[in-house]
PDB file of N, CA and C in Angstrom:
ATOM      1  N   MET A   1      34.495-109.294 -21.141  1.00  0.00           N
ATOM      2  CA  MET A   1      34.176-110.580 -21.509  1.00  0.00           C
ATOM      3  C   MET A   1      35.460-111.382 -21.793  1.00  0.00           C
ATOM      4  N   GLU A   2      35.420-112.594 -21.348  1.00  0.00           N
ATOM      5  CA  GLU A   2      36.707-113.402 -21.344  1.00  0.00           C
ATOM      6  C   GLU A   2      36.660-114.200 -22.798  1.00  0.00           C
ATOM      7  N   LYS A   3      37.878-113.898 -23.436  1.00  0.00           N
ATOM      8  CA  LYS A   3      38.234-114.695 -24.650  1.00  0.00           C
ATOM      9  C   LYS A   3      38.416-116.175 -24.430  1.00  0.00           C
ATOM     10  N   PRO A   4      38.149-116.887 -25.553  1.00  0.00           N
ATOM     11  CA  PRO A   4      38.327-118.377 -25.342  1.00  0.00           C
ATOM     12  C   PRO A   4      39.752-118.583 -25.158  1.00  0.00           C
ATOM     13  N   PRO A   5      40.126-119.715 -24.418  1.00  0.00           N
ATOM     14  CA  PRO A   5      41.463-119.850 -24.021  1.00  0.00           C
ATOM     15  C   PRO A   5      42.344-120.365 -25.265  1.00  0.00           C
ATOM     16  N   TYR A   6      43.600-120.209 -25.276  1.00  0.00           N
ATOM     17  CA  TYR A   6      44.522-120.947 -25.928  1.00  0.00           C
ATOM     18  C   TYR A   6      44.562-122.330 -25.546  1.00  0.00           C
ATOM     19  N   THR A   7      44.318-123.203 -26.266  1.00  0.00           N
ATOM     20  CA  THR A   7      44.214-124.708 -25.745  1.00  0.00           C
ATOM     21  C   THR A   7      45.420-125.304 -26.494  1.00  0.00           C
ATOM     22  N   PHE A   8      46.227-126.094 -25.647  1.00  0.00           N
ATOM     23  CA  PHE A   8      47.319-126.953 -26.072  1.00  0.00           C
ATOM     24  C   PHE A   8      46.902-128.468 -25.953  1.00  0.00           C
ATOM     25  N   ARG A   9      46.871-129.325 -26.983  1.00  0.00           N
ATOM     26  CA  ARG A   9      46.469-130.702 -26.771  1.00  0.00           C
ATOM     27  C   ARG A   9      47.559-131.625 -27.226  1.00  0.00           C
ATOM     28  N   SER A  10      47.287-132.803 -26.769  1.00  0.00           N
ATOM     29  CA  SER A  10      48.290-133.907 -27.137  1.00  0.00           C
ATOM     30  C   SER A  10      49.736-133.612 -26.646  1.00  0.00           C
ATOM     31  N   ILE A  11      49.910-133.312 -25.395  1.00  0.00           N
ATOM     32  CA  ILE A  11      51.103-132.853 -24.794  1.00  0.00           C
ATOM     33  C   ILE A  11      52.093-133.972 -24.899  1.00  0.00           C
ATOM     34  N   MET A  12      53.283-133.826 -25.478  1.00  0.00           N
ATOM     35  CA  MET A  12      54.382-134.957 -25.635  1.00  0.00           C
ATOM     36  C   MET A  12      55.343-134.733 -24.675  1.00  0.00           C
ATOM     37  N   LYS A  13      55.740-133.479 -24.150  1.00  0.00           N
ATOM     38  CA  LYS A  13      56.769-133.289 -23.313  1.00  0.00           C
ATOM     39  C   LYS A  13      56.408-132.050 -22.280  1.00  0.00           C
ATOM     40  N   PHE A  14      56.529-132.142 -21.052  1.00  0.00           N
ATOM     41  CA  PHE A  14      56.325-131.095 -20.137  1.00  0.00           C
ATOM     42  C   PHE A  14      57.329-130.935 -19.080  1.00  0.00           C
ATOM     43  N   SER A  15      57.617-129.836 -18.761  1.00  0.00           N
ATOM     44  CA  SER A  15      58.754-129.437 -17.730  1.00  0.00           C
ATOM     45  C   SER A  15      58.485-128.138 -17.121  1.00  0.00           C
ATOM     46  N   VAL A  16      58.877-127.872 -15.824  1.00  0.00           N
ATOM     47  CA  VAL A  16      59.176-126.480 -15.312  1.00  0.00           C
ATOM     48  C   VAL A  16      60.615-126.318 -15.512  1.00  0.00           C
ATOM     49  N   LYS A  17      60.846-125.242 -16.232  1.00  0.00           N
ATOM     50  CA  LYS A  17      62.421-124.854 -16.517  1.00  0.00           C
ATOM     51  C   LYS A  17      62.974-123.821 -15.524  1.00  0.00           C
ATOM     52  N   ASN A  18      62.227-122.907 -15.284  1.00  0.00           N
ATOM     53  CA  ASN A  18      62.877-121.655 -14.482  1.00  0.00           C
ATOM     54  C   ASN A  18      61.774-121.091 -13.623  1.00  0.00           C
ATOM     55  N   VAL A  19      62.423-121.107 -12.396  1.00  0.00           N
ATOM     56  CA  VAL A  19      61.533-120.544 -11.150  1.00  0.00           C
ATOM     57  C   VAL A  19      62.391-119.419 -10.602  1.00  0.00           C
ATOM     58  N   GLU A  20      61.927-118.186 -10.774  1.00  0.00           N
ATOM     59  CA  GLU A  20      62.661-117.002 -10.274  1.00  0.00           C
ATOM     60  C   GLU A  20      61.853-116.429  -8.973  1.00  0.00           C
ATOM     61  N   LYS A  21      62.505-116.380  -7.902  1.00  0.00           N
ATOM     62  CA  LYS A  21      61.871-115.956  -6.641  1.00  0.00           C
ATOM     63  C   LYS A  21      62.148-114.551  -6.518  1.00  0.00           C
ATOM     64  N   LYS A  22      61.068-113.941  -5.760  1.00  0.00           N
ATOM     65  CA  LYS A  22      61.147-112.372  -5.422  1.00  0.00           C
ATOM     66  C   LYS A  22      62.276-112.143  -4.526  1.00  0.00           C
ATOM     67  N   HIS A  23      62.565-113.099  -3.711  1.00  0.00           N
ATOM     68  CA  HIS A  23      63.618-113.072  -2.632  1.00  0.00           C
ATOM     69  C   HIS A  23      64.101-114.407  -2.276  1.00  0.00           C
ATOM     70  N   PRO A  24      65.449-114.583  -2.340  1.00  0.00           N
ATOM     71  CA  PRO A  24      66.074-115.985  -2.087  1.00  0.00           C
ATOM     72  C   PRO A  24      65.548-116.725  -0.926  1.00  0.00           C
ATOM     73  N   LYS A  25      65.148-115.931   0.134  1.00  0.00           N
ATOM     74  CA  LYS A  25      64.693-116.663   1.364  1.00  0.00           C
ATOM     75  C   LYS A  25      63.297-116.812   1.494  1.00  0.00           C
ATOM     76  N   LEU A  26      62.429-116.355   0.593  1.00  0.00           N
ATOM     77  CA  LEU A  26      61.106-116.441   0.694  1.00  0.00           C
ATOM     78  C   LEU A  26      60.544-117.305  -0.467  1.00  0.00           C
ATOM     79  N   ASP A  27      59.315-117.882  -0.314  1.00  0.00           N
ATOM     80  CA  ASP A  27      58.783-118.770  -1.165  1.00  0.00           C
ATOM     81  C   ASP A  27      57.879-118.066  -2.307  1.00  0.00           C
ATOM     82  N   ASN A  28      57.809-116.769  -2.235  1.00  0.00           N
ATOM     83  CA  ASN A  28      57.051-116.020  -3.247  1.00  0.00           C
ATOM     84  C   ASN A  28      57.726-116.081  -4.634  1.00  0.00           C
ATOM     85  N   ILE A  29      57.117-116.547  -5.620  1.00  0.00           N
ATOM     86  CA  ILE A  29      57.715-116.785  -7.000  1.00  0.00           C
ATOM     87  C   ILE A  29      57.297-115.604  -7.923  1.00  0.00           C
ATOM     88  N   ALA A  30      58.357-115.050  -8.423  1.00  0.00           N
ATOM     89  CA  ALA A  30      58.105-113.858  -9.303  1.00  0.00           C
ATOM     90  C   ALA A  30      57.798-114.398 -10.695  1.00  0.00           C
ATOM     91  N   LYS A  31      58.527-115.336 -11.258  1.00  0.00           N
ATOM     92  CA  LYS A  31      58.293-115.896 -12.599  1.00  0.00           C
ATOM     93  C   LYS A  31      58.386-117.374 -12.660  1.00  0.00           C
ATOM     94  N   LEU A  32      57.588-118.082 -13.457  1.00  0.00           N
ATOM     95  CA  LEU A  32      57.658-119.578 -13.509  1.00  0.00           C
ATOM     96  C   LEU A  32      57.626-119.840 -15.063  1.00  0.00           C
ATOM     97  N   THR A  33      58.533-120.584 -15.480  1.00  0.00           N
ATOM     98  CA  THR A  33      58.520-120.899 -16.938  1.00  0.00           C
ATOM     99  C   THR A  33      58.033-122.449 -17.095  1.00  0.00           C
ATOM    100  N   LEU A  34      57.101-122.566 -18.060  1.00  0.00           N
ATOM    101  CA  LEU A  34      56.576-124.012 -18.237  1.00  0.00           C
ATOM    102  C   LEU A  34      57.020-124.301 -19.763  1.00  0.00           C
ATOM    103  N   GLU A  35      57.585-125.456 -20.022  1.00  0.00           N
ATOM    104  CA  GLU A  35      58.006-125.766 -21.440  1.00  0.00           C
ATOM    105  C   GLU A  35      57.258-127.000 -21.647  1.00  0.00           C
ATOM    106  N   PHE A  36      56.741-127.035 -22.866  1.00  0.00           N
ATOM    107  CA  PHE A  36      56.051-128.336 -23.284  1.00  0.00           C
ATOM    108  C   PHE A  36      55.999-128.371 -24.751  1.00  0.00           C
ATOM    109  N   ASP A  37      55.752-129.602 -25.340  1.00  0.00           N
ATOM    110  CA  ASP A  37      55.643-129.836 -26.833  1.00  0.00           C
ATOM    111  C   ASP A  37      54.160-130.260 -26.958  1.00  0.00           C
ATOM    112  N   ALA A  38      53.415-129.757 -27.892  1.00  0.00           N
ATOM    113  CA  ALA A  38      52.109-130.230 -28.140  1.00  0.00           C
ATOM    114  C   ALA A  38      52.000-130.376 -29.543  1.00  0.00           C
ATOM    115  N   GLU A  39      50.931-131.499 -30.017  1.00  0.00           N
ATOM    116  CA  GLU A  39      50.758-131.617 -31.210  1.00  0.00           C
ATOM    117  C   GLU A  39      49.654-130.528 -31.826  1.00  0.00           C
ATOM    118  N   ILE A  40      48.884-130.022 -30.941  1.00  0.00           N
ATOM    119  CA  ILE A  40      47.856-129.098 -31.349  1.00  0.00           C
ATOM    120  C   ILE A  40      48.037-127.769 -30.517  1.00  0.00           C
ATOM    121  N   PRO A  41      48.434-126.644 -30.799  1.00  0.00           N
ATOM    122  CA  PRO A  41      49.131-126.404 -32.226  1.00  0.00           C
ATOM    123  C   PRO A  41      50.589-127.087 -32.109  1.00  0.00           C
ATOM    124  N   HIS A  42      50.992-127.409 -33.240  1.00  0.00           N
ATOM    125  CA  HIS A  42      52.173-128.265 -33.374  1.00  0.00           C
ATOM    126  C   HIS A  42      53.286-127.306 -32.875  1.00  0.00           C
ATOM    127  N   GLY A  43      54.229-127.902 -32.157  1.00  0.00           N
ATOM    128  CA  GLY A  43      55.564-127.386 -31.793  1.00  0.00           C
ATOM    129  C   GLY A  43      55.644-127.209 -30.227  1.00  0.00           C
ATOM    130  N   SER A  44      56.790-126.669 -30.004  1.00  0.00           N
ATOM    131  CA  SER A  44      57.093-126.251 -28.588  1.00  0.00           C
ATOM    132  C   SER A  44      56.634-125.011 -28.181  1.00  0.00           C
ATOM    133  N   SER A  45      56.257-124.936 -26.964  1.00  0.00           N
ATOM    134  CA  SER A  45      55.812-123.720 -26.294  1.00  0.00           C
ATOM    135  C   SER A  45      56.643-123.414 -25.009  1.00  0.00           C
ATOM    136  N   SER A  46      56.935-122.180 -24.788  1.00  0.00           N
ATOM    137  CA  SER A  46      57.533-121.765 -23.547  1.00  0.00           C
ATOM    138  C   SER A  46      56.704-120.634 -22.970  1.00  0.00           C
ATOM    139  N   LEU A  47      56.071-120.852 -21.780  1.00  0.00           N
ATOM    140  CA  LEU A  47      55.207-119.914 -21.252  1.00  0.00           C
ATOM    141  C   LEU A  47      55.784-119.296 -19.974  1.00  0.00           C
ATOM    142  N   VAL A  48      55.868-118.105 -19.840  1.00  0.00           N
ATOM    143  CA  VAL A  48      56.277-117.458 -18.599  1.00  0.00           C
ATOM    144  C   VAL A  48      55.149-116.842 -17.998  1.00  0.00           C
ATOM    145  N   LEU A  49      54.916-117.380 -16.585  1.00  0.00           N
ATOM    146  CA  LEU A  49      53.903-116.912 -15.798  1.00  0.00           C
ATOM    147  C   LEU A  49      54.443-115.885 -14.818  1.00  0.00           C
ATOM    148  N   VAL A  50      53.998-114.575 -14.846  1.00  0.00           N
ATOM    149  CA  VAL A  50      54.470-113.636 -14.081  1.00  0.00           C
ATOM    150  C   VAL A  50      53.652-113.579 -12.802  1.00  0.00           C
ATOM    151  N   ASP A  51      54.323-113.507 -11.625  1.00  0.00           N
ATOM    152  CA  ASP A  51      53.558-113.435 -10.397  1.00  0.00           C
ATOM    153  C   ASP A  51      52.594-114.459 -10.246  1.00  0.00           C
ATOM    154  N   PRO A  52      52.893-115.777 -10.357  1.00  0.00           N
ATOM    155  CA  PRO A  52      52.036-116.917 -10.328  1.00  0.00           C
ATOM    156  C   PRO A  52      51.415-117.179  -8.742  1.00  0.00           C
ATOM    157  N   ALA A  53      50.106-117.526  -8.813  1.00  0.00           N
ATOM    158  CA  ALA A  53      49.581-117.876  -7.480  1.00  0.00           C
ATOM    159  C   ALA A  53      48.730-119.165  -7.860  1.00  0.00           C
ATOM    160  N   PHE A  54      48.981-120.179  -6.920  1.00  0.00           N
ATOM    161  CA  PHE A  54      48.388-121.570  -7.226  1.00  0.00           C
ATOM    162  C   PHE A  54      47.184-121.748  -6.211  1.00  0.00           C
ATOM    163  N   LEU A  55      46.134-122.492  -7.128  1.00  0.00           N
ATOM    164  CA  LEU A  55      44.857-122.885  -6.381  1.00  0.00           C
ATOM    165  C   LEU A  55      44.994-124.370  -6.005  1.00  0.00           C
ATOM    166  N   PRO A  56      44.335-124.812  -4.889  1.00  0.00           N
ATOM    167  CA  PRO A  56      43.988-123.941  -3.885  1.00  0.00           C
ATOM    168  C   PRO A  56      45.031-123.042  -3.190  1.00  0.00           C
ATOM    169  N   PHE A  57      44.713-121.948  -2.762  1.00  0.00           N
ATOM    170  CA  PHE A  57      45.754-121.193  -2.268  1.00  0.00           C
ATOM    171  C   PHE A  57      46.486-121.827  -0.962  1.00  0.00           C
ATOM    172  N   GLY A  58      47.715-121.495  -0.715  1.00  0.00           N
ATOM    173  CA  GLY A  58      48.576-122.211   0.157  1.00  0.00           C
ATOM    174  C   GLY A  58      50.130-121.923  -0.255  1.00  0.00           C
ATOM    175  N   GLY A  59      50.915-122.707   0.460  1.00  0.00           N
ATOM    176  CA  GLY A  59      52.336-122.446   0.192  1.00  0.00           C
ATOM    177  C   GLY A  59      52.763-122.777  -1.282  1.00  0.00           C
ATOM    178  N   PRO A  60      53.220-121.835  -2.086  1.00  0.00           N
ATOM    179  CA  PRO A  60      53.522-122.122  -3.345  1.00  0.00           C
ATOM    180  C   PRO A  60      54.530-123.285  -3.586  1.00  0.00           C
ATOM    181  N   ILE A  61      55.323-123.533  -2.760  1.00  0.00           N
ATOM    182  CA  ILE A  61      56.369-124.492  -2.958  1.00  0.00           C
ATOM    183  C   ILE A  61      55.701-125.926  -2.943  1.00  0.00           C
ATOM    184  N   LYS A  62      54.769-126.188  -2.109  1.00  0.00           N
ATOM    185  CA  LYS A  62      54.061-127.466  -2.168  1.00  0.00           C
ATOM    186  C   LYS A  62      53.414-127.732  -3.594  1.00  0.00           C
ATOM    187  N   HIS A  63      52.865-126.581  -4.158  1.00  0.00           N
ATOM    188  CA  HIS A  63      52.123-126.832  -5.384  1.00  0.00           C
ATOM    189  C   HIS A  63      53.084-126.774  -6.564  1.00  0.00           C
ATOM    190  N   LEU A  64      54.263-126.140  -6.334  1.00  0.00           N
ATOM    191  CA  LEU A  64      55.284-125.976  -7.339  1.00  0.00           C
ATOM    192  C   LEU A  64      55.852-127.493  -7.460  1.00  0.00           C
ATOM    193  N   GLU A  65      56.061-128.210  -6.309  1.00  0.00           N
ATOM    194  CA  GLU A  65      56.645-129.576  -6.375  1.00  0.00           C
ATOM    195  C   GLU A  65      55.619-130.377  -7.117  1.00  0.00           C
ATOM    196  N   ARG A  66      54.324-130.443  -6.812  1.00  0.00           N
ATOM    197  CA  ARG A  66      53.360-131.180  -7.731  1.00  0.00           C
ATOM    198  C   ARG A  66      53.516-130.941  -9.169  1.00  0.00           C
ATOM    199  N   LEU A  67      53.692-129.709  -9.476  1.00  0.00           N
ATOM    200  CA  LEU A  67      53.835-129.259 -10.932  1.00  0.00           C
ATOM    201  C   LEU A  67      54.966-129.799 -11.598  1.00  0.00           C
ATOM    202  N   GLU A  68      55.991-129.808 -10.698  1.00  0.00           N
ATOM    203  CA  GLU A  68      57.473-130.359 -11.394  1.00  0.00           C
ATOM    204  C   GLU A  68      57.387-131.859 -11.484  1.00  0.00           C
ATOM    205  N   GLN A  69      56.534-132.616 -10.797  1.00  0.00           N
ATOM    206  CA  GLN A  69      56.369-133.969 -10.759  1.00  0.00           C
ATOM    207  C   GLN A  69      55.428-134.505 -11.942  1.00  0.00           C
ATOM    208  N   LEU A  70      54.758-133.598 -12.680  1.00  0.00           N
ATOM    209  CA  LEU A  70      53.842-133.865 -13.746  1.00  0.00           C
ATOM    210  C   LEU A  70      54.619-134.560 -14.815  1.00  0.00           C
ATOM    211  N   GLN A  71      53.957-135.475 -15.535  1.00  0.00           N
ATOM    212  CA  GLN A  71      54.542-136.029 -16.736  1.00  0.00           C
ATOM    213  C   GLN A  71      53.624-135.822 -17.806  1.00  0.00           C
ATOM    214  N   ALA A  72      54.108-135.690 -19.182  1.00  0.00           N
ATOM    215  CA  ALA A  72      53.157-135.329 -20.204  1.00  0.00           C
ATOM    216  C   ALA A  72      52.122-136.344 -20.414  1.00  0.00           C
ATOM    217  N   GLN A  73      52.305-137.582 -20.092  1.00  0.00           N
ATOM    218  CA  GLN A  73      51.198-138.557 -20.248  1.00  0.00           C
ATOM    219  C   GLN A  73      50.000-138.364 -19.197  1.00  0.00           C
ATOM    220  N   ASP A  74      50.413-137.607 -18.055  1.00  0.00           N
ATOM    221  CA  ASP A  74      49.286-137.314 -17.159  1.00  0.00           C
ATOM    222  C   ASP A  74      48.263-136.235 -17.584  1.00  0.00           C
ATOM    223  N   ILE A  75      48.748-135.524 -18.556  1.00  0.00           N
ATOM    224  CA  ILE A  75      48.123-134.208 -18.985  1.00  0.00           C
ATOM    225  C   ILE A  75      47.108-134.359 -20.257  1.00  0.00           C
ATOM    226  N   ASP A  76      45.952-134.179 -20.085  1.00  0.00           N
ATOM    227  CA  ASP A  76      44.898-134.180 -21.282  1.00  0.00           C
ATOM    228  C   ASP A  76      45.156-132.998 -22.103  1.00  0.00           C
ATOM    229  N   HIS A  77      45.011-131.772 -21.545  1.00  0.00           N
ATOM    230  CA  HIS A  77      45.381-130.592 -22.281  1.00  0.00           C
ATOM    231  C   HIS A  77      45.600-129.416 -21.359  1.00  0.00           C
ATOM    232  N   ILE A  78      46.149-128.362 -21.855  1.00  0.00           N
ATOM    233  CA  ILE A  78      46.287-127.090 -21.239  1.00  0.00           C
ATOM    234  C   ILE A  78      45.596-125.915 -21.759  1.00  0.00           C
ATOM    235  N   ASP A  79      44.964-125.191 -20.899  1.00  0.00           N
ATOM    236  CA  ASP A  79      44.353-123.939 -21.339  1.00  0.00           C
ATOM    237  C   ASP A  79      44.986-122.735 -20.915  1.00  0.00           C
ATOM    238  N   ALA A  80      45.171-121.803 -21.546  1.00  0.00           N
ATOM    239  CA  ALA A  80      45.812-120.452 -21.172  1.00  0.00           C
ATOM    240  C   ALA A  80      44.954-119.372 -21.460  1.00  0.00           C
ATOM    241  N   PHE A  81      44.429-118.617 -20.417  1.00  0.00           N
ATOM    242  CA  PHE A  81      43.567-117.413 -20.470  1.00  0.00           C
ATOM    243  C   PHE A  81      44.346-116.258 -20.309  1.00  0.00           C
ATOM    244  N   CYS A  82      44.282-115.195 -21.302  1.00  0.00           N
ATOM    245  CA  CYS A  82      45.000-113.971 -21.201  1.00  0.00           C
ATOM    246  C   CYS A  82      44.246-113.154 -20.129  1.00  0.00           C
ATOM    247  N   GLU A  83      45.116-112.046 -19.437  1.00  0.00           N
ATOM    248  CA  GLU A  83      44.605-111.265 -18.569  1.00  0.00           C
ATOM    249  C   GLU A  83      43.548-110.390 -19.235  1.00  0.00           C
ATOM    250  N   ILE A  84      42.587-109.854 -18.591  1.00  0.00           N
ATOM    251  CA  ILE A  84      41.570-108.854 -19.042  1.00  0.00           C
ATOM    252  C   ILE A  84      41.843-107.513 -18.343  1.00  0.00           C
ATOM    253  N   VAL A  85      42.079-106.677 -19.364  1.00  0.00           N
ATOM    254  CA  VAL A  85      42.318-105.216 -18.709  1.00  0.00           C
ATOM    255  C   VAL A  85      41.239-104.467 -19.100  1.00  0.00           C
ATOM    256  N   ASP A  86      40.396-104.261 -17.881  1.00  0.00           N
ATOM    257  CA  ASP A  86      39.130-103.603 -17.910  1.00  0.00           C
ATOM    258  C   ASP A  86      38.873-102.870 -16.655  1.00  0.00           C
ATOM    259  N   GLN A  87      38.746-101.642 -16.662  1.00  0.00           N
ATOM    260  CA  GLN A  87      38.596-100.778 -15.396  1.00  0.00           C
ATOM    261  C   GLN A  87      37.495-101.293 -14.527  1.00  0.00           C
ATOM    262  N   LEU A  88      36.455-101.762 -15.224  1.00  0.00           N
ATOM    263  CA  LEU A  88      35.298-102.178 -14.193  1.00  0.00           C
ATOM    264  C   LEU A  88      35.490-103.623 -13.828  1.00  0.00           C
ATOM    265  N   ASN A  89      35.993-104.537 -14.613  1.00  0.00           N
ATOM    266  CA  ASN A  89      36.055-105.887 -14.180  1.00  0.00           C
ATOM    267  C   ASN A  89      37.399-106.549 -14.815  1.00  0.00           C
ATOM    268  N   PRO A  90      38.523-106.223 -14.180  1.00  0.00           N
ATOM    269  CA  PRO A  90      39.674-106.818 -14.627  1.00  0.00           C
ATOM    270  C   PRO A  90      39.849-108.199 -13.987  1.00  0.00           C
ATOM    271  N   LYS A  91      40.546-109.021 -14.763  1.00  0.00           N
ATOM    272  CA  LYS A  91      40.929-110.314 -14.365  1.00  0.00           C
ATOM    273  C   LYS A  91      42.165-110.752 -14.702  1.00  0.00           C
ATOM    274  N   ASN A  92      42.851-111.450 -13.712  1.00  0.00           N
ATOM    275  CA  ASN A  92      44.184-111.893 -13.948  1.00  0.00           C
ATOM    276  C   ASN A  92      44.158-113.044 -14.943  1.00  0.00           C
ATOM    277  N   ALA A  93      45.552-113.271 -15.602  1.00  0.00           N
ATOM    278  CA  ALA A  93      45.653-114.485 -16.529  1.00  0.00           C
ATOM    279  C   ALA A  93      45.684-115.723 -15.745  1.00  0.00           C
ATOM    280  N   ARG A  94      45.397-116.745 -16.415  1.00  0.00           N
ATOM    281  CA  ARG A  94      45.589-118.106 -15.652  1.00  0.00           C
ATOM    282  C   ARG A  94      45.851-119.190 -16.655  1.00  0.00           C
ATOM    283  N   ILE A  95      46.474-120.199 -16.048  1.00  0.00           N
ATOM    284  CA  ILE A  95      46.621-121.423 -16.783  1.00  0.00           C
ATOM    285  C   ILE A  95      45.994-122.596 -16.038  1.00  0.00           C
ATOM    286  N   GLU A  96      45.296-123.429 -16.885  1.00  0.00           N
ATOM    287  CA  GLU A  96      44.513-124.675 -16.222  1.00  0.00           C
ATOM    288  C   GLU A  96      45.215-125.842 -17.021  1.00  0.00           C
ATOM    289  N   ILE A  97      45.740-126.568 -16.189  1.00  0.00           N
ATOM    290  CA  ILE A  97      46.281-127.870 -16.692  1.00  0.00           C
ATOM    291  C   ILE A  97      45.408-129.023 -16.217  1.00  0.00           C
ATOM    292  N   TRP A  98      44.710-129.530 -17.243  1.00  0.00           N
ATOM    293  CA  TRP A  98      43.719-130.744 -17.102  1.00  0.00           C
ATOM    294  C   TRP A  98      44.223-132.033 -17.055  1.00  0.00           C
ATOM    295  N   MET A  99      44.064-132.952 -16.172  1.00  0.00           N
ATOM    296  CA  MET A  99      44.723-134.347 -16.167  1.00  0.00           C
ATOM    297  C   MET A  99      43.782-135.265 -16.866  1.00  0.00           C
ATOM    298  N   ASN A 100      44.427-136.283 -17.409  1.00  0.00           N
ATOM    299  CA  ASN A 100      43.741-137.366 -18.117  1.00  0.00           C
ATOM    300  C   ASN A 100      42.630-138.088 -17.211  1.00  0.00           C
ATOM    301  N   ASN A 101      42.797-138.089 -15.910  1.00  0.00           N
ATOM    302  CA  ASN A 101      41.677-138.756 -15.199  1.00  0.00           C
ATOM    303  C   ASN A 101      40.415-138.155 -15.230  1.00  0.00           C
ATOM    304  N   GLY A 102      40.379-136.922 -15.872  1.00  0.00           N
ATOM    305  CA  GLY A 102      38.924-136.377 -16.180  1.00  0.00           C
ATOM    306  C   GLY A 102      38.458-135.362 -15.260  1.00  0.00           C
ATOM    307  N   ASN A 103      38.878-135.267 -13.932  1.00  0.00           N
ATOM    308  CA  ASN A 103      38.290-134.523 -12.918  1.00  0.00           C
ATOM    309  C   ASN A 103      39.419-133.691 -12.032  1.00  0.00           C
ATOM    310  N   ASP A 104      40.616-133.807 -12.466  1.00  0.00           N
ATOM    311  CA  ASP A 104      41.571-133.148 -11.763  1.00  0.00           C
ATOM    312  C   ASP A 104      42.304-132.142 -12.572  1.00  0.00           C
ATOM    313  N   GLU A 105      42.630-130.847 -11.963  1.00  0.00           N
ATOM    314  CA  GLU A 105      43.248-129.814 -12.633  1.00  0.00           C
ATOM    315  C   GLU A 105      44.117-129.044 -11.705  1.00  0.00           C
ATOM    316  N   ILE A 106      45.061-128.485 -12.310  1.00  0.00           N
ATOM    317  CA  ILE A 106      45.829-127.553 -11.701  1.00  0.00           C
ATOM    318  C   ILE A 106      45.690-126.137 -12.180  1.00  0.00           C
ATOM    319  N   THR A 107      45.267-125.022 -11.446  1.00  0.00           N
ATOM    320  CA  THR A 107      44.977-123.815 -11.773  1.00  0.00           C
ATOM    321  C   THR A 107      45.993-122.862 -11.264  1.00  0.00           C
ATOM    322  N   ILE A 108      46.670-122.137 -12.201  1.00  0.00           N
ATOM    323  CA  ILE A 108      47.691-121.148 -11.643  1.00  0.00           C
ATOM    324  C   ILE A 108      47.238-119.768 -12.169  1.00  0.00           C
ATOM    325  N   PHE A 109      46.836-118.967 -11.314  1.00  0.00           N
ATOM    326  CA  PHE A 109      46.703-117.504 -11.710  1.00  0.00           C
ATOM    327  C   PHE A 109      47.884-116.615 -11.811  1.00  0.00           C
ATOM    328  N   CYS A 110      47.982-115.777 -12.616  1.00  0.00           N
ATOM    329  CA  CYS A 110      49.104-114.801 -12.622  1.00  0.00           C
ATOM    330  C   CYS A 110      48.777-113.526 -13.260  1.00  0.00           C
ATOM    331  N   LYS A 111      49.729-112.596 -13.104  1.00  0.00           N
ATOM    332  CA  LYS A 111      49.386-111.109 -13.689  1.00  0.00           C
ATOM    333  C   LYS A 111      49.338-111.252 -15.129  1.00  0.00           C
ATOM    334  N   LYS A 112      50.133-111.971 -15.751  1.00  0.00           N
ATOM    335  CA  LYS A 112      50.217-112.112 -17.250  1.00  0.00           C
ATOM    336  C   LYS A 112      50.970-113.305 -17.689  1.00  0.00           C
ATOM    337  N   ILE A 113      50.830-113.730 -18.811  1.00  0.00           N
ATOM    338  CA  ILE A 113      51.524-114.884 -19.428  1.00  0.00           C
ATOM    339  C   ILE A 113      52.175-114.460 -20.750  1.00  0.00           C
ATOM    340  N   ASP A 114      53.647-114.666 -20.638  1.00  0.00           N
ATOM    341  CA  ASP A 114      54.442-114.152 -21.851  1.00  0.00           C
ATOM    342  C   ASP A 114      54.668-115.341 -22.591  1.00  0.00           C
ATOM    343  N   GLY A 115      54.729-115.274 -23.853  1.00  0.00           N
ATOM    344  CA  GLY A 115      54.996-116.397 -24.820  1.00  0.00           C
ATOM    345  C   GLY A 115      53.722-116.996 -25.560  1.00  0.00           C
ATOM    346  N   LEU A 116      52.651-116.560 -25.347  1.00  0.00           N
ATOM    347  CA  LEU A 116      51.382-117.226 -25.990  1.00  0.00           C
ATOM    348  C   LEU A 116      51.517-116.763 -27.454  1.00  0.00           C
ATOM    349  N   PRO A 117      51.310-117.668 -28.438  1.00  0.00           N
ATOM    350  CA  PRO A 117      51.279-117.330 -29.914  1.00  0.00           C
ATOM    351  C   PRO A 117      50.269-116.355 -30.208  1.00  0.00           C
ATOM    352  N   ASN A 118      50.467-115.705 -31.318  1.00  0.00           N
ATOM    353  CA  ASN A 118      49.617-114.697 -31.855  1.00  0.00           C
ATOM    354  C   ASN A 118      48.426-115.526 -32.143  1.00  0.00           C
ATOM    355  N   ARG A 119      47.081-114.917 -31.947  1.00  0.00           N
ATOM    356  CA  ARG A 119      45.798-115.487 -32.300  1.00  0.00           C
ATOM    357  C   ARG A 119      45.839-115.889 -33.656  1.00  0.00           C
ATOM    358  N   ALA A 120      46.218-115.238 -34.624  1.00  0.00           N
ATOM    359  CA  ALA A 120      46.180-115.521 -36.061  1.00  0.00           C
ATOM    360  C   ALA A 120      46.953-116.731 -36.326  1.00  0.00           C
ATOM    361  N   GLU A 121      48.236-116.707 -35.661  1.00  0.00           N
ATOM    362  CA  GLU A 121      49.154-117.972 -36.002  1.00  0.00           C
ATOM    363  C   GLU A 121      48.594-119.158 -35.362  1.00  0.00           C
ATOM    364  N   ALA A 122      47.791-119.056 -34.165  1.00  0.00           N
ATOM    365  CA  ALA A 122      47.341-120.192 -33.498  1.00  0.00           C
ATOM    366  C   ALA A 122      46.148-120.870 -34.197  1.00  0.00           C
ATOM    367  N   ILE A 123      45.528-120.184 -35.145  1.00  0.00           N
ATOM    368  CA  ILE A 123      44.291-120.581 -35.909  1.00  0.00           C
ATOM    369  C   ILE A 123      44.820-121.472 -37.097  1.00  0.00           C
ATOM    370  N   LYS A 124      46.097-121.259 -37.612  1.00  0.00           N
ATOM    371  CA  LYS A 124      46.494-121.944 -38.813  1.00  0.00           C
ATOM    372  C   LYS A 124      46.689-123.454 -38.698  1.00  0.00           C
TER     373      LYS A 124
END
């Protein structure tokens, strides 16, 4: 069963900070770092997406360019779902970036997300 997402609201700053490719001549991305400031939970977050895959599936560079052009004021909230380690029904982690226009989102699936706060700390 999927746990509720980590939700980051009132985004004040957003940027793509680090893109590590699997091979310099290929578009396959090994790690992608998103940095943002949110009011809820308060503070800065730096999330590292391991082996990200963008939806709709296609060339990652096209989707990465869209992500890099995002401004904090365009984002309503960000949901981060942890991977599910289950032999019968495993699921990859994912980030959903929801736009202020109400019906647009960017979904990025990945093997795992590094940098998510501890659940107990996130509730405070």
